[in-house]
Amino acid sequence: MNPLTQLALACGAFLVTHVVSNTPLRAELVRAAGERAYLALYSAAAFATLGWMMFAYNRAPYEGLWHAPGLRYVPLAVMPFALILVVCGLLARNPTIVGQERLLEAGDPARGILRVTRHPMMWGVALWAAAHLLARGDAAATLFFGTFLLLALGGTALSDRRKARALGEPWQRFARVTSHVPFAAIAAGRNAFRPGEIGWGKPGLGIALYVAFIFLHPVIFGARPY
């Protein structure tokens, strides 16, 4: 099989695995297998298709689509913000995360980084994917990173729609004071940026990871980041 074809199939399988979880089919699968069994099967499928994607990407040849040397520096500028969002998202109490819906009942469910966006980690992934897609400029990278970009932005939009249907008023109350797009709720006057709720530790950890990746990137990924 052509390596790019295999990569395209792997990317498609990865997307389908995640999209299914935000369609009515999810409820049918949970009803048939039970919540725990469904989550176990979903996790196994997600990791299997991710592994397939990585395997296929590493085997795919370089087929350039554009050549813009200046774009190779885009990740250097974007990745600090991406890693800060990822760290803040991972360490936040977020009702958009599976199993954390009870947080919607809190008096103020949108605190810290959630005032900026209700999907901080996925926006970090989106920035990472977009920056590397632009910097690479080849067919394999467009498929690989484009898949993560599509999932990070489109998948979260589908997830929001599913939660709005399933969770009703508690979700609507949360959605009214938050936004998918970073800073949109703040710009609209529906929330306010309060950096004190985020603190310095989480952004500091994001910057520390950025510095570490600068030095470790050639070792881990076989390419210099600059």
C-alpha atoms as a PDB file:
ATOM      1  CA  MET A   1       0.000   0.000   0.000  1.00  0.00           C
ATOM      2  CA  ASN A   2       1.195   3.493  -0.815  1.00  0.00           C
ATOM      3  CA  PRO A   3       2.517   5.058   2.446  1.00  0.00           C
ATOM      4  CA  LEU A   4       0.460   8.248   1.964  1.00  0.00           C
ATOM      5  CA  THR A   5      -2.662   6.174   1.335  1.00  0.00           C
ATOM      6  CA  GLN A   6      -2.014   4.241   4.517  1.00  0.00           C
ATOM      7  CA  LEU A   7      -1.544   7.513   6.406  1.00  0.00           C
ATOM      8  CA  ALA A   8      -4.810   8.864   5.004  1.00  0.00           C
ATOM      9  CA  LEU A   9      -6.641   5.711   6.103  1.00  0.00           C
ATOM     10  CA  ALA A  10      -5.088   5.896   9.569  1.00  0.00           C
ATOM     11  CA  CYS A  11      -6.069   9.558   9.907  1.00  0.00           C
ATOM     12  CA  GLY A  12      -9.610   8.743   8.787  1.00  0.00           C
ATOM     13  CA  ALA A  13      -9.885   5.916  11.315  1.00  0.00           C
ATOM     14  CA  PHE A  14      -8.593   8.184  14.091  1.00  0.00           C
ATOM     15  CA  LEU A  15     -11.159  10.851  13.236  1.00  0.00           C
ATOM     16  CA  VAL A  16     -14.041   8.383  12.999  1.00  0.00           C
ATOM     17  CA  THR A  17     -13.137   6.923  16.392  1.00  0.00           C
ATOM     18  CA  HIS A  18     -13.448  10.339  17.999  1.00  0.00           C
ATOM     19  CA  VAL A  19     -16.420  11.633  16.006  1.00  0.00           C
ATOM     20  CA  VAL A  20     -18.549   8.604  16.937  1.00  0.00           C
ATOM     21  CA  SER A  21     -18.270   9.591  20.596  1.00  0.00           C
ATOM     22  CA  ASN A  22     -20.121  12.827  19.805  1.00  0.00           C
ATOM     23  CA  THR A  23     -22.993  11.337  17.807  1.00  0.00           C
ATOM     24  CA  PRO A  24     -26.228   9.586  18.916  1.00  0.00           C
ATOM     25  CA  LEU A  25     -24.419   6.296  18.244  1.00  0.00           C
ATOM     26  CA  ARG A  26     -22.473   6.856  21.465  1.00  0.00           C
ATOM     27  CA  ALA A  27     -25.618   6.486  23.574  1.00  0.00           C
ATOM     28  CA  GLU A  28     -26.501   3.268  21.765  1.00  0.00           C
ATOM     29  CA  LEU A  29     -23.037   1.822  22.364  1.00  0.00           C
ATOM     30  CA  VAL A  30     -23.126   2.798  26.046  1.00  0.00           C
ATOM     31  CA  ARG A  31     -26.563   1.237  26.386  1.00  0.00           C
ATOM     32  CA  ALA A  32     -25.369  -1.983  24.751  1.00  0.00           C
ATOM     33  CA  ALA A  33     -21.974  -2.357  26.451  1.00  0.00           C
ATOM     34  CA  GLY A  34     -22.211  -0.249  29.608  1.00  0.00           C
ATOM     35  CA  GLU A  35     -20.357   2.978  30.399  1.00  0.00           C
ATOM     36  CA  ARG A  36     -17.111   1.384  31.603  1.00  0.00           C
ATOM     37  CA  ALA A  37     -16.883  -1.108  28.753  1.00  0.00           C
ATOM     38  CA  TYR A  38     -17.605   1.646  26.222  1.00  0.00           C
ATOM     39  CA  LEU A  39     -14.877   3.894  27.661  1.00  0.00           C
ATOM     40  CA  ALA A  40     -12.415   0.998  27.639  1.00  0.00           C
ATOM     41  CA  LEU A  41     -13.211   0.149  24.012  1.00  0.00           C
ATOM     42  CA  TYR A  42     -13.117   3.808  22.998  1.00  0.00           C
ATOM     43  CA  SER A  43      -9.720   4.313  24.667  1.00  0.00           C
ATOM     44  CA  ALA A  44      -8.315   1.172  23.042  1.00  0.00           C
ATOM     45  CA  ALA A  45      -9.538   2.261  19.607  1.00  0.00           C
ATOM     46  CA  ALA A  46      -8.197   5.791  20.089  1.00  0.00           C
ATOM     47  CA  PHE A  47      -4.724   4.590  21.088  1.00  0.00           C
ATOM     48  CA  ALA A  48      -4.658   1.938  18.343  1.00  0.00           C
ATOM     49  CA  THR A  49      -5.551   4.417  15.595  1.00  0.00           C
ATOM     50  CA  LEU A  50      -3.122   6.991  17.006  1.00  0.00           C
ATOM     51  CA  GLY A  51      -0.360   4.390  16.918  1.00  0.00           C
ATOM     52  CA  TRP A  52      -1.286   3.543  13.330  1.00  0.00           C
ATOM     53  CA  MET A  53      -1.147   7.240  12.415  1.00  0.00           C
ATOM     54  CA  MET A  54       2.302   7.667  13.931  1.00  0.00           C
ATOM     55  CA  PHE A  55       3.599   4.503  12.246  1.00  0.00           C
ATOM     56  CA  ALA A  56       2.248   5.573   8.846  1.00  0.00           C
ATOM     57  CA  TYR A  57       3.532   9.141   9.233  1.00  0.00           C
ATOM     58  CA  ASN A  58       7.044   7.957  10.007  1.00  0.00           C
ATOM     59  CA  ARG A  59       7.028   5.798   6.850  1.00  0.00           C
ATOM     60  CA  ALA A  60       5.517   8.403   4.525  1.00  0.00           C
ATOM     61  CA  PRO A  61       7.840  10.071   1.994  1.00  0.00           C
ATOM     62  CA  TYR A  62       8.362  13.818   1.808  1.00  0.00           C
ATOM     63  CA  GLU A  63       6.214  15.305  -0.947  1.00  0.00           C
ATOM     64  CA  GLY A  64       6.431  19.081  -0.749  1.00  0.00           C
ATOM     65  CA  LEU A  65       3.311  21.187  -1.191  1.00  0.00           C
ATOM     66  CA  TRP A  66       4.804  24.624  -0.534  1.00  0.00           C
ATOM     67  CA  HIS A  67       8.235  26.073   0.183  1.00  0.00           C
ATOM     68  CA  ALA A  68       8.347  29.061   2.521  1.00  0.00           C
ATOM     69  CA  PRO A  69      11.514  28.938   4.676  1.00  0.00           C
ATOM     70  CA  GLY A  70      10.206  31.616   7.019  1.00  0.00           C
ATOM     71  CA  LEU A  71       7.334  29.371   8.103  1.00  0.00           C
ATOM     72  CA  ARG A  72       9.725  26.952   9.787  1.00  0.00           C
ATOM     73  CA  TYR A  73       9.974  29.451  12.638  1.00  0.00           C
ATOM     74  CA  VAL A  74       6.212  29.590  13.257  1.00  0.00           C
ATOM     75  CA  PRO A  75       6.318  26.796  15.896  1.00  0.00           C
ATOM     76  CA  LEU A  76       8.988  28.700  17.841  1.00  0.00           C
ATOM     77  CA  ALA A  77       6.567  31.612  18.217  1.00  0.00           C
ATOM     78  CA  VAL A  78       3.381  29.607  18.712  1.00  0.00           C
ATOM     79  CA  MET A  79       4.436  26.692  20.917  1.00  0.00           C
ATOM     80  CA  PRO A  80       4.842  28.660  24.192  1.00  0.00           C
ATOM     81  CA  PHE A  81       1.161  29.608  24.006  1.00  0.00           C
ATOM     82  CA  ALA A  82       0.163  26.103  22.925  1.00  0.00           C
ATOM     83  CA  LEU A  83       1.964  24.470  25.855  1.00  0.00           C
ATOM     84  CA  ILE A  84       0.594  26.981  28.352  1.00  0.00           C
ATOM     85  CA  LEU A  85      -2.931  26.184  27.164  1.00  0.00           C
ATOM     86  CA  VAL A  86      -2.268  22.437  27.333  1.00  0.00           C
ATOM     87  CA  VAL A  87      -0.853  22.619  30.864  1.00  0.00           C
ATOM     88  CA  CYS A  88      -3.600  24.933  32.114  1.00  0.00           C
ATOM     89  CA  GLY A  89      -6.208  22.693  30.484  1.00  0.00           C
ATOM     90  CA  LEU A  90      -4.814  19.502  31.983  1.00  0.00           C
ATOM     91  CA  LEU A  91      -4.667  21.001  35.467  1.00  0.00           C
ATOM     92  CA  ALA A  92      -8.061  22.738  35.377  1.00  0.00           C
ATOM     93  CA  ARG A  93     -11.304  21.429  36.850  1.00  0.00           C
ATOM     94  CA  ASN A  94     -13.265  21.422  33.618  1.00  0.00           C
ATOM     95  CA  PRO A  95     -16.892  20.249  33.190  1.00  0.00           C
ATOM     96  CA  THR A  96     -16.257  19.576  29.477  1.00  0.00           C
ATOM     97  CA  ILE A  97     -14.078  16.580  30.434  1.00  0.00           C
ATOM     98  CA  VAL A  98     -15.740  13.160  30.450  1.00  0.00           C
ATOM     99  CA  GLY A  99     -16.953  12.303  33.936  1.00  0.00           C
ATOM    100  CA  GLN A 100     -16.624  15.870  35.245  1.00  0.00           C
ATOM    101  CA  GLU A 101     -20.091  17.110  34.299  1.00  0.00           C
ATOM    102  CA  ARG A 102     -20.999  17.456  37.985  1.00  0.00           C
ATOM    103  CA  LEU A 103     -18.799  20.569  38.051  1.00  0.00           C
ATOM    104  CA  LEU A 104     -21.556  22.360  36.145  1.00  0.00           C
ATOM    105  CA  GLU A 105     -23.493  22.517  39.403  1.00  0.00           C
ATOM    106  CA  ALA A 106     -20.822  24.708  41.048  1.00  0.00           C
ATOM    107  CA  GLY A 107     -21.685  28.313  41.774  1.00  0.00           C
ATOM    108  CA  ASP A 108     -18.992  29.535  39.365  1.00  0.00           C
ATOM    109  CA  PRO A 109     -18.095  26.677  36.979  1.00  0.00           C
ATOM    110  CA  ALA A 110     -15.980  28.892  34.699  1.00  0.00           C
ATOM    111  CA  ARG A 111     -12.865  29.928  36.580  1.00  0.00           C
ATOM    112  CA  GLY A 112      -9.229  30.390  35.670  1.00  0.00           C
ATOM    113  CA  ILE A 113      -8.339  29.387  32.111  1.00  0.00           C
ATOM    114  CA  LEU A 114     -11.981  28.463  31.435  1.00  0.00           C
ATOM    115  CA  ARG A 115     -12.744  32.181  31.375  1.00  0.00           C
ATOM    116  CA  VAL A 116     -10.526  32.331  28.279  1.00  0.00           C
ATOM    117  CA  THR A 117     -11.886  29.205  26.557  1.00  0.00           C
ATOM    118  CA  ARG A 118     -13.816  26.181  27.754  1.00  0.00           C
ATOM    119  CA  HIS A 119     -11.463  23.965  25.700  1.00  0.00           C
ATOM    120  CA  PRO A 120      -7.955  25.144  26.644  1.00  0.00           C
ATOM    121  CA  MET A 121      -6.159  21.862  26.080  1.00  0.00           C
ATOM    122  CA  MET A 122      -7.698  21.312  22.656  1.00  0.00           C
ATOM    123  CA  TRP A 123      -6.842  24.845  21.594  1.00  0.00           C
ATOM    124  CA  GLY A 124      -3.268  24.085  22.626  1.00  0.00           C
ATOM    125  CA  VAL A 125      -3.381  21.006  20.401  1.00  0.00           C
ATOM    126  CA  ALA A 126      -4.857  23.102  17.571  1.00  0.00           C
ATOM    127  CA  LEU A 127      -2.049  25.671  17.817  1.00  0.00           C
ATOM    128  CA  TRP A 128       0.569  22.888  17.878  1.00  0.00           C
ATOM    129  CA  ALA A 129      -0.969  21.207  14.843  1.00  0.00           C
ATOM    130  CA  ALA A 130      -1.441  24.386  12.802  1.00  0.00           C
ATOM    131  CA  ALA A 131       2.075  25.637  13.516  1.00  0.00           C
ATOM    132  CA  HIS A 132       3.715  22.352  12.511  1.00  0.00           C
ATOM    133  CA  LEU A 133       1.508  21.933   9.443  1.00  0.00           C
ATOM    134  CA  LEU A 134       2.621  25.351   8.183  1.00  0.00           C
ATOM    135  CA  ALA A 135       6.262  24.771   9.063  1.00  0.00           C
ATOM    136  CA  ARG A 136       6.513  21.395   7.331  1.00  0.00           C
ATOM    137  CA  GLY A 137       4.663  22.134   4.093  1.00  0.00           C
ATOM    138  CA  ASP A 138       4.446  18.547   2.838  1.00  0.00           C
ATOM    139  CA  ALA A 139       1.631  16.111   2.088  1.00  0.00           C
ATOM    140  CA  ALA A 140       2.248  13.738   5.004  1.00  0.00           C
ATOM    141  CA  ALA A 141       2.425  16.568   7.537  1.00  0.00           C
ATOM    142  CA  THR A 142      -0.742  18.111   6.116  1.00  0.00           C
ATOM    143  CA  LEU A 143      -2.588  14.828   6.647  1.00  0.00           C
ATOM    144  CA  PHE A 144      -1.076  14.131  10.077  1.00  0.00           C
ATOM    145  CA  PHE A 145      -1.237  17.562  11.676  1.00  0.00           C
ATOM    146  CA  GLY A 146      -4.382  18.503   9.770  1.00  0.00           C
ATOM    147  CA  THR A 147      -6.154  15.579  11.415  1.00  0.00           C
ATOM    148  CA  PHE A 148      -5.300  16.889  14.878  1.00  0.00           C
ATOM    149  CA  LEU A 149      -6.312  20.415  13.872  1.00  0.00           C
ATOM    150  CA  LEU A 150      -9.672  19.233  12.558  1.00  0.00           C
ATOM    151  CA  LEU A 151     -10.296  17.087  15.615  1.00  0.00           C
ATOM    152  CA  ALA A 152      -9.264  19.797  18.090  1.00  0.00           C
ATOM    153  CA  LEU A 153     -11.613  22.398  16.621  1.00  0.00           C
ATOM    154  CA  GLY A 154     -14.376  20.386  14.969  1.00  0.00           C
ATOM    155  CA  GLY A 155     -14.486  17.657  17.589  1.00  0.00           C
ATOM    156  CA  THR A 156     -14.937  20.123  20.433  1.00  0.00           C
ATOM    157  CA  ALA A 157     -17.734  21.872  18.542  1.00  0.00           C
ATOM    158  CA  LEU A 158     -19.515  18.523  18.150  1.00  0.00           C
ATOM    159  CA  SER A 159     -18.907  17.786  21.820  1.00  0.00           C
ATOM    160  CA  ASP A 160     -20.467  21.112  22.815  1.00  0.00           C
ATOM    161  CA  ARG A 161     -23.583  20.298  20.797  1.00  0.00           C
ATOM    162  CA  ARG A 162     -23.880  16.848  22.379  1.00  0.00           C
ATOM    163  CA  LYS A 163     -23.494  18.219  25.896  1.00  0.00           C
ATOM    164  CA  ALA A 164     -26.038  20.968  25.221  1.00  0.00           C
ATOM    165  CA  ARG A 165     -28.592  18.301  24.283  1.00  0.00           C
ATOM    166  CA  ALA A 166     -27.712  15.943  27.112  1.00  0.00           C
ATOM    167  CA  LEU A 167     -27.111  18.321  30.024  1.00  0.00           C
ATOM    168  CA  GLY A 168     -29.690  21.040  29.431  1.00  0.00           C
ATOM    169  CA  GLU A 169     -29.803  24.151  31.610  1.00  0.00           C
ATOM    170  CA  PRO A 170     -26.600  23.513  33.633  1.00  0.00           C
ATOM    171  CA  TRP A 171     -24.654  23.380  30.369  1.00  0.00           C
ATOM    172  CA  GLN A 172     -26.456  26.417  28.982  1.00  0.00           C
ATOM    173  CA  ARG A 173     -25.517  28.385  32.106  1.00  0.00           C
ATOM    174  CA  PHE A 174     -21.882  27.369  31.648  1.00  0.00           C
ATOM    175  CA  ALA A 175     -21.923  28.113  27.908  1.00  0.00           C
ATOM    176  CA  ARG A 176     -23.349  31.594  28.456  1.00  0.00           C
ATOM    177  CA  VAL A 177     -20.260  32.690  30.413  1.00  0.00           C
ATOM    178  CA  THR A 178     -17.657  30.802  28.372  1.00  0.00           C
ATOM    179  CA  SER A 179     -16.657  30.516  24.731  1.00  0.00           C
ATOM    180  CA  HIS A 180     -15.140  27.982  22.402  1.00  0.00           C
ATOM    181  CA  VAL A 181     -12.941  30.605  20.693  1.00  0.00           C
ATOM    182  CA  PRO A 182     -10.363  32.008  23.155  1.00  0.00           C
ATOM    183  CA  PHE A 183     -11.289  35.398  24.647  1.00  0.00           C
ATOM    184  CA  ALA A 184     -14.607  35.577  22.729  1.00  0.00           C
ATOM    185  CA  ALA A 185     -16.732  35.545  25.911  1.00  0.00           C
ATOM    186  CA  ILE A 186     -14.445  38.146  27.486  1.00  0.00           C
ATOM    187  CA  ALA A 187     -14.623  40.376  24.401  1.00  0.00           C
ATOM    188  CA  ALA A 188     -18.415  40.059  24.422  1.00  0.00           C
ATOM    189  CA  GLY A 189     -18.593  41.104  28.080  1.00  0.00           C
ATOM    190  CA  ARG A 190     -19.909  37.726  29.251  1.00  0.00           C
ATOM    191  CA  ASN A 191     -16.831  37.077  31.382  1.00  0.00           C
ATOM    192  CA  ALA A 192     -13.675  38.793  32.591  1.00  0.00           C
ATOM    193  CA  PHE A 193     -10.026  37.809  32.395  1.00  0.00           C
ATOM    194  CA  ARG A 194      -8.695  37.142  35.891  1.00  0.00           C
ATOM    195  CA  PRO A 195      -5.053  36.030  35.624  1.00  0.00           C
ATOM    196  CA  GLY A 196      -4.811  35.679  39.395  1.00  0.00           C
ATOM    197  CA  GLU A 197      -7.054  32.604  39.175  1.00  0.00           C
ATOM    198  CA  ILE A 198      -4.549  30.993  36.803  1.00  0.00           C
ATOM    199  CA  GLY A 199      -1.466  32.008  38.755  1.00  0.00           C
ATOM    200  CA  TRP A 200       2.136  31.792  37.609  1.00  0.00           C
ATOM    201  CA  GLY A 201       2.808  28.107  38.233  1.00  0.00           C
ATOM    202  CA  LYS A 202       0.882  26.652  35.287  1.00  0.00           C
ATOM    203  CA  PRO A 203       2.138  29.127  32.670  1.00  0.00           C
ATOM    204  CA  GLY A 204       5.612  28.692  34.147  1.00  0.00           C
ATOM    205  CA  LEU A 205       5.377  24.933  33.688  1.00  0.00           C
ATOM    206  CA  GLY A 206       4.268  25.469  30.096  1.00  0.00           C
ATOM    207  CA  ILE A 207       7.307  27.673  29.419  1.00  0.00           C
ATOM    208  CA  ALA A 208       9.585  25.131  31.107  1.00  0.00           C
ATOM    209  CA  LEU A 209       8.209  22.411  28.820  1.00  0.00           C
ATOM    210  CA  TYR A 210       8.797  24.697  25.835  1.00  0.00           C
ATOM    211  CA  VAL A 211      12.452  25.162  26.767  1.00  0.00           C
ATOM    212  CA  ALA A 212      12.830  21.424  27.342  1.00  0.00           C
ATOM    213  CA  PHE A 213      11.338  20.630  23.939  1.00  0.00           C
ATOM    214  CA  ILE A 214      13.706  23.084  22.258  1.00  0.00           C
ATOM    215  CA  PHE A 215      16.664  21.035  23.477  1.00  0.00           C
ATOM    216  CA  LEU A 216      15.057  17.573  23.263  1.00  0.00           C
ATOM    217  CA  HIS A 217      13.295  17.976  19.911  1.00  0.00           C
ATOM    218  CA  PRO A 218      16.218  16.598  17.846  1.00  0.00           C
ATOM    219  CA  VAL A 219      16.527  13.595  20.174  1.00  0.00           C
ATOM    220  CA  ILE A 220      12.815  12.762  20.367  1.00  0.00           C
ATOM    221  CA  PHE A 221      11.644  13.723  16.871  1.00  0.00           C
ATOM    222  CA  GLY A 222      14.855  13.731  14.841  1.00  0.00           C
ATOM    223  CA  ALA A 223      14.515  17.337  13.680  1.00  0.00           C
ATOM    224  CA  ARG A 224      15.840  20.670  14.903  1.00  0.00           C
ATOM    225  CA  PRO A 225      13.118  23.150  15.875  1.00  0.00           C
ATOM    226  CA  TYR A 226      15.076  26.120  14.487  1.00  0.00           C
END
